[in-house]
C-alpha cells in the first residue's frame, strides 16, 4: 500500500508511518494546506487536513492520501454543576487541536487528536496574531519545536509528543479504511 502524507515535516511523516502496518510505504509529499499558516478553529483545521489529504493523493500513484493539521481553537465547555443540578461554565481557553484526514479518492474520513489547553501567556500571543511554533521556540529559547516534540510534548512534560498525538488522530481517520465496521 502506497501512502502520501501531505507535508514535508518529518514528524507528520513518522506519525503516518507509525500508524500503518510495516508493509505500507509512506512518502512525504509537501503540499499547501489552503488554510492560514496558523489555523484557528476546528473547521479551519479540519479543512487544512482534508486539503492536504486530497492534494497528497493527487500528487502521484498512491492508494491513500493523508493530511495532518494542527490548529488552535477557543473552546468553551459547560460541565454539570453538582450542587444545583444545572450547568456551570468551566474556564474557557485556547486549545491546541489536531485533525487528520485520509482519502482514497472516493471518500474522505476524519479523526481528531487530543485537545490541550494552552497557557494563557501562549493564548494571548496567538490571539495577537503570532503562530504557535515560533511562540514555543521563543518560550524554550530554541528552534524547531514543531519538528520535534511539539507543543504537545512540552505542555504534557513528554507524556505525549506531537508525533503520537498526530498518530492517534490519524488512527481515527484510518479506521474506516482498515476495518469492516463502517
N, C-alpha and C. Protein backbone atom coordinates (compact mmCIF):
# COMPACT_ATOMS: atom_id res chain seq x y z
N UNK A 1 0.86 -1.17 0.00
CA UNK A 1 0.00 0.00 0.00
C UNK A 1 0.90 1.23 0.00
N UNK A 2 0.64 2.16 -0.92
CA UNK A 2 1.41 3.40 -1.01
C UNK A 2 0.58 4.55 -0.44
N UNK A 3 1.19 5.24 0.52
CA UNK A 3 0.53 6.33 1.22
C UNK A 3 1.32 7.61 0.99
N UNK A 4 0.61 8.69 0.71
CA UNK A 4 1.23 10.02 0.61
C UNK A 4 0.72 10.86 1.76
N UNK A 5 1.64 11.39 2.55
CA UNK A 5 1.25 12.32 3.62
C UNK A 5 1.57 13.73 3.13
N UNK A 6 0.58 14.58 3.17
CA UNK A 6 0.68 15.91 2.59
C UNK A 6 1.48 16.89 3.41
N UNK A 7 2.76 16.62 3.58
CA UNK A 7 3.64 17.51 4.33
C UNK A 7 5.08 17.05 4.17
N UNK A 8 5.98 18.01 4.24
CA UNK A 8 7.39 17.68 4.26
C UNK A 8 7.93 17.56 5.68
N UNK A 9 7.08 17.78 6.69
CA UNK A 9 7.50 17.74 8.09
C UNK A 9 7.77 16.29 8.49
N UNK A 10 8.98 15.99 8.95
CA UNK A 10 9.30 14.60 9.31
C UNK A 10 8.44 14.04 10.44
N UNK A 11 7.94 14.89 11.33
CA UNK A 11 7.07 14.42 12.41
C UNK A 11 5.77 13.88 11.83
N UNK A 12 5.21 14.56 10.83
CA UNK A 12 3.97 14.10 10.21
C UNK A 12 4.21 12.83 9.40
N UNK A 13 5.36 12.72 8.77
CA UNK A 13 5.68 11.51 8.03
C UNK A 13 5.81 10.33 9.00
N UNK A 14 6.51 10.54 10.11
CA UNK A 14 6.70 9.48 11.10
C UNK A 14 5.37 9.08 11.74
N UNK A 15 4.52 10.06 12.03
CA UNK A 15 3.21 9.75 12.61
C UNK A 15 2.42 8.85 11.67
N UNK A 16 2.49 9.14 10.39
CA UNK A 16 1.78 8.33 9.39
C UNK A 16 2.37 6.94 9.31
N UNK A 17 3.69 6.85 9.21
CA UNK A 17 4.35 5.54 9.12
C UNK A 17 4.05 4.69 10.36
N UNK A 18 4.02 5.31 11.53
CA UNK A 18 3.79 4.57 12.77
C UNK A 18 2.33 4.20 12.99
N UNK A 19 1.42 4.79 12.23
CA UNK A 19 0.00 4.45 12.34
C UNK A 19 -0.39 3.31 11.40
N UNK A 20 0.50 2.93 10.52
CA UNK A 20 0.19 1.95 9.48
C UNK A 20 1.03 0.68 9.65
N UNK A 21 0.58 -0.42 9.04
CA UNK A 21 1.38 -1.64 9.07
C UNK A 21 2.75 -1.41 8.43
N UNK A 22 3.73 -2.18 8.87
CA UNK A 22 5.10 -2.03 8.36
C UNK A 22 5.19 -2.19 6.85
N UNK A 23 4.27 -2.92 6.26
CA UNK A 23 4.31 -3.16 4.82
C UNK A 23 3.92 -1.93 4.01
N UNK A 24 3.35 -0.92 4.65
CA UNK A 24 2.93 0.29 3.93
C UNK A 24 4.15 1.15 3.61
N UNK A 25 4.12 1.74 2.44
CA UNK A 25 5.16 2.66 2.01
C UNK A 25 4.62 4.07 2.17
N UNK A 26 5.33 4.92 2.90
CA UNK A 26 4.86 6.27 3.18
C UNK A 26 5.82 7.29 2.58
N UNK A 27 5.28 8.17 1.74
CA UNK A 27 6.06 9.25 1.14
C UNK A 27 5.58 10.58 1.69
N UNK A 28 6.54 11.43 2.06
CA UNK A 28 6.22 12.80 2.44
C UNK A 28 6.09 13.61 1.16
N UNK A 29 4.93 14.21 0.96
CA UNK A 29 4.65 14.99 -0.25
C UNK A 29 4.25 16.40 0.18
N UNK A 30 5.19 17.34 0.15
CA UNK A 30 4.84 18.70 0.57
C UNK A 30 3.74 19.30 -0.32
N UNK A 31 2.65 19.70 0.29
CA UNK A 31 1.53 20.35 -0.40
C UNK A 31 1.06 21.52 0.45
N UNK A 32 0.32 22.41 -0.16
CA UNK A 32 -0.26 23.53 0.57
C UNK A 32 -1.51 23.07 1.30
N UNK A 33 -1.72 23.62 2.48
CA UNK A 33 -2.91 23.27 3.25
C UNK A 33 -4.13 24.04 2.77
N UNK A 34 -3.92 25.19 2.15
CA UNK A 34 -5.04 26.00 1.68
C UNK A 34 -5.73 26.76 2.81
N UNK A 35 -5.14 26.74 4.00
CA UNK A 35 -5.70 27.48 5.14
C UNK A 35 -4.59 28.37 5.71
N UNK A 36 -4.92 29.13 6.72
CA UNK A 36 -3.94 30.01 7.35
C UNK A 36 -2.74 29.23 7.85
N UNK A 37 -1.61 29.90 7.91
CA UNK A 37 -0.41 29.28 8.48
C UNK A 37 -0.67 28.80 9.91
N UNK A 38 -1.48 29.57 10.63
CA UNK A 38 -1.91 29.17 11.97
C UNK A 38 -3.43 29.00 11.93
N UNK A 39 -3.91 27.77 11.63
CA UNK A 39 -5.35 27.57 11.58
C UNK A 39 -6.02 27.88 12.91
N UNK A 40 -7.16 28.59 12.84
CA UNK A 40 -7.95 28.93 14.02
C UNK A 40 -9.29 28.24 13.92
N UNK A 41 -9.64 27.50 14.94
CA UNK A 41 -10.93 26.84 15.00
C UNK A 41 -10.88 25.44 14.42
N UNK A 42 -11.82 24.64 14.87
CA UNK A 42 -11.91 23.25 14.41
C UNK A 42 -12.15 23.19 12.90
N UNK A 43 -13.05 24.02 12.38
CA UNK A 43 -13.41 23.94 10.96
C UNK A 43 -12.21 24.22 10.05
N UNK A 44 -11.44 25.26 10.36
CA UNK A 44 -10.29 25.58 9.51
C UNK A 44 -9.21 24.50 9.62
N UNK A 45 -9.03 23.94 10.80
CA UNK A 45 -8.04 22.88 10.99
C UNK A 45 -8.45 21.63 10.22
N UNK A 46 -9.72 21.26 10.28
CA UNK A 46 -10.22 20.11 9.53
C UNK A 46 -10.08 20.35 8.02
N UNK A 47 -10.40 21.56 7.58
CA UNK A 47 -10.27 21.90 6.16
C UNK A 47 -8.82 21.74 5.70
N UNK A 48 -7.88 22.19 6.52
CA UNK A 48 -6.47 22.04 6.18
C UNK A 48 -6.06 20.59 6.05
N UNK A 49 -6.52 19.74 6.97
CA UNK A 49 -6.21 18.31 6.89
C UNK A 49 -6.80 17.69 5.62
N UNK A 50 -8.04 18.03 5.31
CA UNK A 50 -8.69 17.49 4.11
C UNK A 50 -7.98 17.95 2.84
N UNK A 51 -7.64 19.22 2.78
CA UNK A 51 -6.92 19.73 1.60
C UNK A 51 -5.58 19.01 1.42
N UNK A 52 -4.87 18.82 2.50
CA UNK A 52 -3.58 18.13 2.42
C UNK A 52 -3.76 16.68 1.94
N UNK A 53 -4.78 16.00 2.45
CA UNK A 53 -5.01 14.61 2.05
C UNK A 53 -5.32 14.52 0.56
N UNK A 54 -6.24 15.36 0.10
CA UNK A 54 -6.62 15.33 -1.33
C UNK A 54 -5.43 15.67 -2.23
N UNK A 55 -4.69 16.70 -1.87
CA UNK A 55 -3.56 17.14 -2.69
C UNK A 55 -2.43 16.12 -2.68
N UNK A 56 -2.20 15.47 -1.56
CA UNK A 56 -1.17 14.44 -1.49
C UNK A 56 -1.54 13.26 -2.38
N UNK A 57 -2.80 12.83 -2.31
CA UNK A 57 -3.25 11.71 -3.15
C UNK A 57 -3.09 12.04 -4.62
N UNK A 58 -3.41 13.27 -5.00
CA UNK A 58 -3.35 13.68 -6.40
C UNK A 58 -1.92 13.85 -6.91
N UNK A 59 -0.93 13.85 -6.01
CA UNK A 59 0.45 14.10 -6.40
C UNK A 59 1.15 12.90 -7.03
N UNK A 60 0.52 11.76 -7.03
CA UNK A 60 1.18 10.58 -7.59
C UNK A 60 0.27 9.37 -7.59
N UNK A 61 0.88 8.20 -7.78
CA UNK A 61 0.15 6.94 -7.82
C UNK A 61 0.10 6.35 -6.42
N UNK A 62 -0.85 6.85 -5.62
CA UNK A 62 -0.96 6.44 -4.22
C UNK A 62 -2.30 5.79 -3.96
N UNK A 63 -2.33 4.91 -2.95
CA UNK A 63 -3.58 4.27 -2.53
C UNK A 63 -4.38 5.16 -1.59
N UNK A 64 -3.66 5.89 -0.74
CA UNK A 64 -4.29 6.80 0.21
C UNK A 64 -3.51 8.10 0.29
N UNK A 65 -4.24 9.18 0.46
CA UNK A 65 -3.65 10.46 0.79
C UNK A 65 -4.00 10.78 2.22
N UNK A 66 -3.03 11.28 2.97
CA UNK A 66 -3.21 11.60 4.37
C UNK A 66 -2.90 13.08 4.58
N UNK A 67 -3.73 13.75 5.37
CA UNK A 67 -3.47 15.12 5.76
C UNK A 67 -3.52 15.23 7.27
N UNK A 68 -2.53 15.87 7.83
CA UNK A 68 -2.47 16.10 9.28
C UNK A 68 -2.34 17.60 9.49
N UNK A 69 -3.18 18.13 10.35
CA UNK A 69 -3.17 19.58 10.57
C UNK A 69 -3.33 19.88 12.05
N UNK A 70 -2.45 20.71 12.57
CA UNK A 70 -2.58 21.20 13.93
C UNK A 70 -3.11 22.62 13.88
N UNK A 71 -3.95 22.94 14.81
CA UNK A 71 -4.50 24.28 14.88
C UNK A 71 -4.76 24.66 16.32
N UNK A 72 -5.36 25.81 16.49
CA UNK A 72 -5.76 26.26 17.81
C UNK A 72 -7.21 26.69 17.75
N UNK A 73 -7.90 26.53 18.85
CA UNK A 73 -9.33 26.87 18.88
C UNK A 73 -9.71 27.36 20.26
N UNK A 74 -10.48 28.42 20.29
CA UNK A 74 -11.05 28.87 21.57
C UNK A 74 -12.26 27.99 21.82
N UNK A 75 -12.25 27.32 22.97
CA UNK A 75 -13.30 26.37 23.29
C UNK A 75 -13.91 26.75 24.63
N UNK A 76 -15.23 26.79 24.67
CA UNK A 76 -15.95 26.99 25.91
C UNK A 76 -16.67 25.70 26.23
N UNK A 77 -16.55 25.26 27.46
CA UNK A 77 -17.09 23.97 27.86
C UNK A 77 -18.05 24.19 29.03
N UNK A 78 -19.18 23.54 28.97
CA UNK A 78 -20.11 23.55 30.11
C UNK A 78 -20.00 22.21 30.81
N UNK A 79 -20.04 22.23 32.12
CA UNK A 79 -19.97 20.99 32.88
C UNK A 79 -21.14 20.92 33.84
N UNK A 80 -21.51 19.73 34.26
CA UNK A 80 -22.59 19.62 35.25
C UNK A 80 -22.19 20.30 36.55
N UNK A 81 -23.12 21.01 37.13
CA UNK A 81 -22.90 21.65 38.41
C UNK A 81 -23.49 20.72 39.47
N UNK A 82 -22.64 20.04 40.19
CA UNK A 82 -23.09 19.03 41.14
C UNK A 82 -24.02 19.56 42.22
N UNK A 83 -23.88 20.83 42.61
CA UNK A 83 -24.71 21.36 43.69
C UNK A 83 -26.11 21.72 43.22
N UNK A 84 -26.24 22.36 42.08
CA UNK A 84 -27.53 22.88 41.66
C UNK A 84 -28.18 22.03 40.58
N UNK A 85 -27.46 21.06 40.05
CA UNK A 85 -28.05 20.22 39.01
C UNK A 85 -28.10 20.91 37.66
N UNK A 86 -27.58 22.12 37.53
CA UNK A 86 -27.57 22.84 36.26
C UNK A 86 -26.23 22.71 35.59
N UNK A 87 -25.82 23.76 34.93
CA UNK A 87 -24.50 23.74 34.32
C UNK A 87 -23.70 24.93 34.80
N UNK A 88 -22.45 24.72 34.97
CA UNK A 88 -21.52 25.77 35.34
C UNK A 88 -20.47 25.85 34.25
N UNK A 89 -20.16 27.03 33.82
CA UNK A 89 -19.18 27.21 32.75
C UNK A 89 -17.78 26.99 33.32
N UNK A 90 -17.06 26.07 32.73
CA UNK A 90 -15.67 25.89 33.09
C UNK A 90 -14.87 27.04 32.48
N UNK A 91 -13.69 27.28 32.99
CA UNK A 91 -12.88 28.33 32.35
C UNK A 91 -12.66 27.99 30.88
N UNK A 92 -12.90 28.97 30.04
CA UNK A 92 -12.65 28.71 28.63
C UNK A 92 -11.17 28.93 28.37
N UNK A 93 -10.76 28.58 27.19
CA UNK A 93 -9.35 28.75 26.87
C UNK A 93 -9.10 28.48 25.41
N UNK A 94 -7.87 28.70 25.04
CA UNK A 94 -7.42 28.38 23.70
C UNK A 94 -6.74 27.02 23.79
N UNK A 95 -7.16 26.13 22.93
CA UNK A 95 -6.67 24.76 22.95
C UNK A 95 -5.89 24.44 21.69
N UNK A 96 -4.86 23.65 21.85
CA UNK A 96 -4.18 23.03 20.72
C UNK A 96 -5.10 21.92 20.24
N UNK A 97 -5.34 21.85 18.94
CA UNK A 97 -6.22 20.84 18.39
C UNK A 97 -5.54 20.20 17.18
N UNK A 98 -5.77 18.92 16.97
CA UNK A 98 -5.15 18.20 15.85
C UNK A 98 -6.20 17.39 15.12
N UNK A 99 -6.15 17.47 13.80
CA UNK A 99 -7.08 16.72 12.97
C UNK A 99 -6.33 15.99 11.86
N UNK A 100 -6.87 14.86 11.48
CA UNK A 100 -6.32 14.06 10.39
C UNK A 100 -7.43 13.76 9.40
N UNK A 101 -7.04 13.63 8.14
CA UNK A 101 -7.96 13.20 7.08
C UNK A 101 -7.24 12.14 6.25
N UNK A 102 -8.00 11.18 5.77
CA UNK A 102 -7.46 10.16 4.87
C UNK A 102 -8.46 9.98 3.73
N UNK A 103 -7.94 9.88 2.52
CA UNK A 103 -8.81 9.69 1.36
C UNK A 103 -8.21 8.70 0.39
N UNK A 104 -9.10 7.93 -0.23
CA UNK A 104 -8.70 7.04 -1.31
C UNK A 104 -9.17 7.59 -2.66
N UNK A 105 -9.70 8.78 -2.65
CA UNK A 105 -10.21 9.42 -3.86
C UNK A 105 -11.71 9.28 -4.01
N UNK A 106 -12.29 8.27 -3.36
CA UNK A 106 -13.74 8.07 -3.41
C UNK A 106 -14.42 8.63 -2.16
N UNK A 107 -13.74 8.51 -1.04
CA UNK A 107 -14.30 9.02 0.22
C UNK A 107 -13.18 9.63 1.04
N UNK A 108 -13.58 10.45 1.98
CA UNK A 108 -12.62 11.05 2.90
C UNK A 108 -13.14 10.81 4.31
N UNK A 109 -12.23 10.44 5.20
CA UNK A 109 -12.57 10.13 6.58
C UNK A 109 -11.71 11.00 7.50
N UNK A 110 -12.19 11.24 8.71
CA UNK A 110 -11.54 12.17 9.64
C UNK A 110 -11.33 11.55 11.01
N UNK A 111 -10.32 12.02 11.69
CA UNK A 111 -10.08 11.65 13.07
C UNK A 111 -9.46 12.83 13.80
N UNK A 112 -9.80 12.96 15.06
CA UNK A 112 -9.28 14.05 15.87
C UNK A 112 -8.31 13.55 16.92
N UNK A 113 -7.37 14.40 17.27
CA UNK A 113 -6.39 14.05 18.29
C UNK A 113 -6.72 14.73 19.60
N UNK A 114 -5.78 14.68 20.51
CA UNK A 114 -6.02 15.27 21.83
C UNK A 114 -6.19 16.78 21.74
N UNK A 115 -6.86 17.33 22.72
CA UNK A 115 -7.01 18.78 22.87
C UNK A 115 -6.26 19.17 24.14
N UNK A 116 -5.36 20.11 24.03
CA UNK A 116 -4.57 20.55 25.17
C UNK A 116 -4.79 22.04 25.37
N UNK A 117 -5.22 22.41 26.58
CA UNK A 117 -5.38 23.83 26.85
C UNK A 117 -4.01 24.48 26.89
N UNK A 118 -3.90 25.59 26.19
CA UNK A 118 -2.64 26.32 26.14
C UNK A 118 -2.57 27.31 27.30
N UNK A 119 -1.37 27.54 27.83
CA UNK A 119 -1.23 28.54 28.89
C UNK A 119 -1.73 29.91 28.40
N UNK A 120 -2.26 30.69 29.32
CA UNK A 120 -2.79 32.00 28.95
C UNK A 120 -1.76 32.87 28.25
N UNK A 121 -0.50 32.80 28.67
CA UNK A 121 0.54 33.61 28.02
C UNK A 121 0.71 33.23 26.56
N UNK A 122 0.57 31.95 26.24
CA UNK A 122 0.65 31.48 24.86
C UNK A 122 -0.62 31.89 24.11
N UNK A 123 -1.77 31.69 24.73
CA UNK A 123 -3.05 32.05 24.11
C UNK A 123 -3.10 33.52 23.76
N UNK A 124 -2.61 34.37 24.67
CA UNK A 124 -2.62 35.82 24.41
C UNK A 124 -1.80 36.15 23.17
N UNK A 125 -0.66 35.53 23.02
CA UNK A 125 0.19 35.79 21.85
C UNK A 125 -0.45 35.26 20.57
N UNK A 126 -1.11 34.10 20.66
CA UNK A 126 -1.82 33.57 19.50
C UNK A 126 -2.93 34.52 19.07
N UNK A 127 -3.68 35.01 20.05
CA UNK A 127 -4.78 35.91 19.73
C UNK A 127 -4.29 37.25 19.20
N UNK A 128 -3.03 37.57 19.45
CA UNK A 128 -2.43 38.79 18.91
C UNK A 128 -1.87 38.57 17.50
N UNK A 129 -2.00 37.33 17.00
CA UNK A 129 -1.62 37.06 15.61
C UNK A 129 -0.35 36.26 15.41
N UNK A 130 0.31 35.83 16.48
CA UNK A 130 1.51 35.03 16.33
C UNK A 130 1.15 33.56 16.06
N UNK A 131 2.13 32.77 15.63
CA UNK A 131 1.95 31.35 15.37
C UNK A 131 2.51 30.54 16.53
N UNK A 132 1.91 29.37 16.76
CA UNK A 132 2.27 28.55 17.91
C UNK A 132 3.73 28.09 17.88
N UNK A 133 4.20 27.60 16.75
CA UNK A 133 5.58 27.09 16.67
C UNK A 133 6.60 28.12 17.12
N UNK A 134 6.60 29.32 16.51
CA UNK A 134 7.55 30.34 16.95
C UNK A 134 7.36 30.78 18.41
N UNK A 135 6.12 30.79 18.89
CA UNK A 135 5.89 31.12 20.30
C UNK A 135 6.59 30.10 21.19
N UNK A 136 6.41 28.82 20.88
CA UNK A 136 7.03 27.77 21.69
C UNK A 136 8.55 27.84 21.59
N UNK A 137 9.08 28.10 20.39
CA UNK A 137 10.52 28.26 20.24
C UNK A 137 11.03 29.40 21.12
N UNK A 138 10.29 30.51 21.14
CA UNK A 138 10.68 31.66 21.94
C UNK A 138 10.65 31.32 23.44
N UNK A 139 9.59 30.66 23.88
CA UNK A 139 9.48 30.31 25.30
C UNK A 139 10.59 29.37 25.75
N UNK A 140 10.99 28.48 24.86
CA UNK A 140 12.00 27.48 25.21
C UNK A 140 13.42 27.90 24.83
N UNK A 141 13.53 29.07 24.18
CA UNK A 141 14.82 29.56 23.69
C UNK A 141 15.50 28.51 22.82
N UNK A 142 14.73 28.03 21.84
CA UNK A 142 15.22 27.00 20.93
C UNK A 142 14.64 27.27 19.55
N UNK A 143 14.79 26.34 18.64
CA UNK A 143 14.15 26.45 17.34
C UNK A 143 13.71 25.07 16.89
N UNK A 144 12.65 25.04 16.10
CA UNK A 144 12.19 23.78 15.51
C UNK A 144 11.38 22.88 16.42
N UNK A 145 10.73 23.43 17.44
CA UNK A 145 9.93 22.58 18.33
C UNK A 145 8.89 21.80 17.55
N UNK A 146 8.29 22.42 16.51
CA UNK A 146 7.24 21.72 15.76
C UNK A 146 7.78 20.56 14.94
N UNK A 147 9.09 20.49 14.76
CA UNK A 147 9.71 19.36 14.05
C UNK A 147 10.24 18.32 15.04
N UNK A 148 9.93 18.51 16.31
CA UNK A 148 10.42 17.63 17.37
C UNK A 148 9.23 17.21 18.24
N UNK A 149 9.25 17.53 19.51
CA UNK A 149 8.19 17.12 20.43
C UNK A 149 6.93 17.94 20.28
N UNK A 150 7.03 19.12 19.70
CA UNK A 150 5.87 19.97 19.52
C UNK A 150 5.37 20.53 20.84
N UNK A 151 4.38 21.41 20.72
CA UNK A 151 3.78 22.00 21.92
C UNK A 151 3.18 20.90 22.79
N UNK A 152 2.64 19.85 22.17
CA UNK A 152 2.05 18.75 22.95
C UNK A 152 3.07 18.13 23.89
N UNK A 153 4.26 17.88 23.40
CA UNK A 153 5.30 17.29 24.24
C UNK A 153 5.74 18.21 25.35
N UNK A 154 5.91 19.49 25.00
CA UNK A 154 6.34 20.46 26.00
C UNK A 154 5.29 20.60 27.09
N UNK A 155 4.02 20.74 26.69
CA UNK A 155 2.96 21.05 27.64
C UNK A 155 2.45 19.85 28.44
N UNK A 156 2.86 18.64 28.05
CA UNK A 156 2.50 17.45 28.84
C UNK A 156 3.71 16.86 29.53
N UNK A 157 4.82 17.57 29.52
CA UNK A 157 6.02 17.04 30.16
C UNK A 157 6.50 15.76 29.51
N UNK A 158 6.24 15.63 28.20
CA UNK A 158 6.69 14.45 27.47
C UNK A 158 5.76 13.25 27.54
N UNK A 159 4.64 13.38 28.21
CA UNK A 159 3.70 12.25 28.28
C UNK A 159 3.20 11.89 26.90
N UNK A 160 2.88 12.90 26.11
CA UNK A 160 2.51 12.69 24.72
C UNK A 160 3.28 13.73 23.91
N UNK A 161 3.83 13.34 22.77
CA UNK A 161 4.52 14.29 21.92
C UNK A 161 3.72 14.51 20.65
N UNK A 162 4.20 15.39 19.80
CA UNK A 162 3.45 15.75 18.59
C UNK A 162 3.23 14.54 17.69
N UNK A 163 4.24 13.71 17.54
CA UNK A 163 4.11 12.54 16.67
C UNK A 163 3.01 11.61 17.16
N UNK A 164 2.99 11.31 18.45
CA UNK A 164 1.96 10.38 18.94
C UNK A 164 0.58 11.01 18.91
N UNK A 165 0.48 12.31 19.17
CA UNK A 165 -0.83 12.98 19.09
C UNK A 165 -1.37 12.93 17.67
N UNK A 166 -0.51 13.20 16.69
CA UNK A 166 -0.94 13.14 15.29
C UNK A 166 -1.25 11.71 14.87
N UNK A 167 -0.47 10.75 15.37
CA UNK A 167 -0.71 9.33 15.04
C UNK A 167 -2.08 8.89 15.54
N UNK A 168 -2.46 9.31 16.73
CA UNK A 168 -3.77 8.95 17.25
C UNK A 168 -4.90 9.61 16.47
N UNK A 169 -4.71 10.84 16.04
CA UNK A 169 -5.71 11.48 15.18
C UNK A 169 -5.86 10.70 13.88
N UNK A 170 -4.73 10.31 13.30
CA UNK A 170 -4.76 9.57 12.04
C UNK A 170 -5.40 8.20 12.21
N UNK A 171 -5.20 7.56 13.34
CA UNK A 171 -5.83 6.26 13.58
C UNK A 171 -7.34 6.36 13.43
N UNK A 172 -7.93 7.45 13.92
CA UNK A 172 -9.37 7.65 13.77
C UNK A 172 -9.78 7.80 12.31
N UNK A 173 -8.97 8.49 11.53
CA UNK A 173 -9.29 8.67 10.11
C UNK A 173 -9.10 7.38 9.33
N UNK A 174 -8.15 6.57 9.75
CA UNK A 174 -7.87 5.31 9.03
C UNK A 174 -8.85 4.19 9.37
N UNK A 175 -9.53 4.28 10.51
CA UNK A 175 -10.44 3.22 10.94
C UNK A 175 -11.37 2.72 9.85
N UNK A 176 -12.07 3.60 9.15
CA UNK A 176 -12.98 3.13 8.11
C UNK A 176 -12.28 2.44 6.93
N UNK A 177 -10.98 2.66 6.78
CA UNK A 177 -10.24 2.01 5.69
C UNK A 177 -9.65 0.67 6.10
N UNK A 178 -9.51 0.43 7.40
CA UNK A 178 -8.84 -0.79 7.85
C UNK A 178 -9.75 -1.77 8.59
N UNK A 179 -11.03 -1.39 8.79
CA UNK A 179 -11.97 -2.29 9.42
C UNK A 179 -13.23 -2.39 8.56
N UNK A 180 -14.05 -3.37 8.87
CA UNK A 180 -15.32 -3.55 8.13
C UNK A 180 -16.51 -2.97 8.87
N UNK A 181 -16.29 -2.14 9.89
CA UNK A 181 -17.38 -1.64 10.70
C UNK A 181 -18.06 -0.40 10.14
N UNK A 182 -17.52 0.18 9.11
CA UNK A 182 -18.08 1.42 8.57
C UNK A 182 -18.81 1.17 7.26
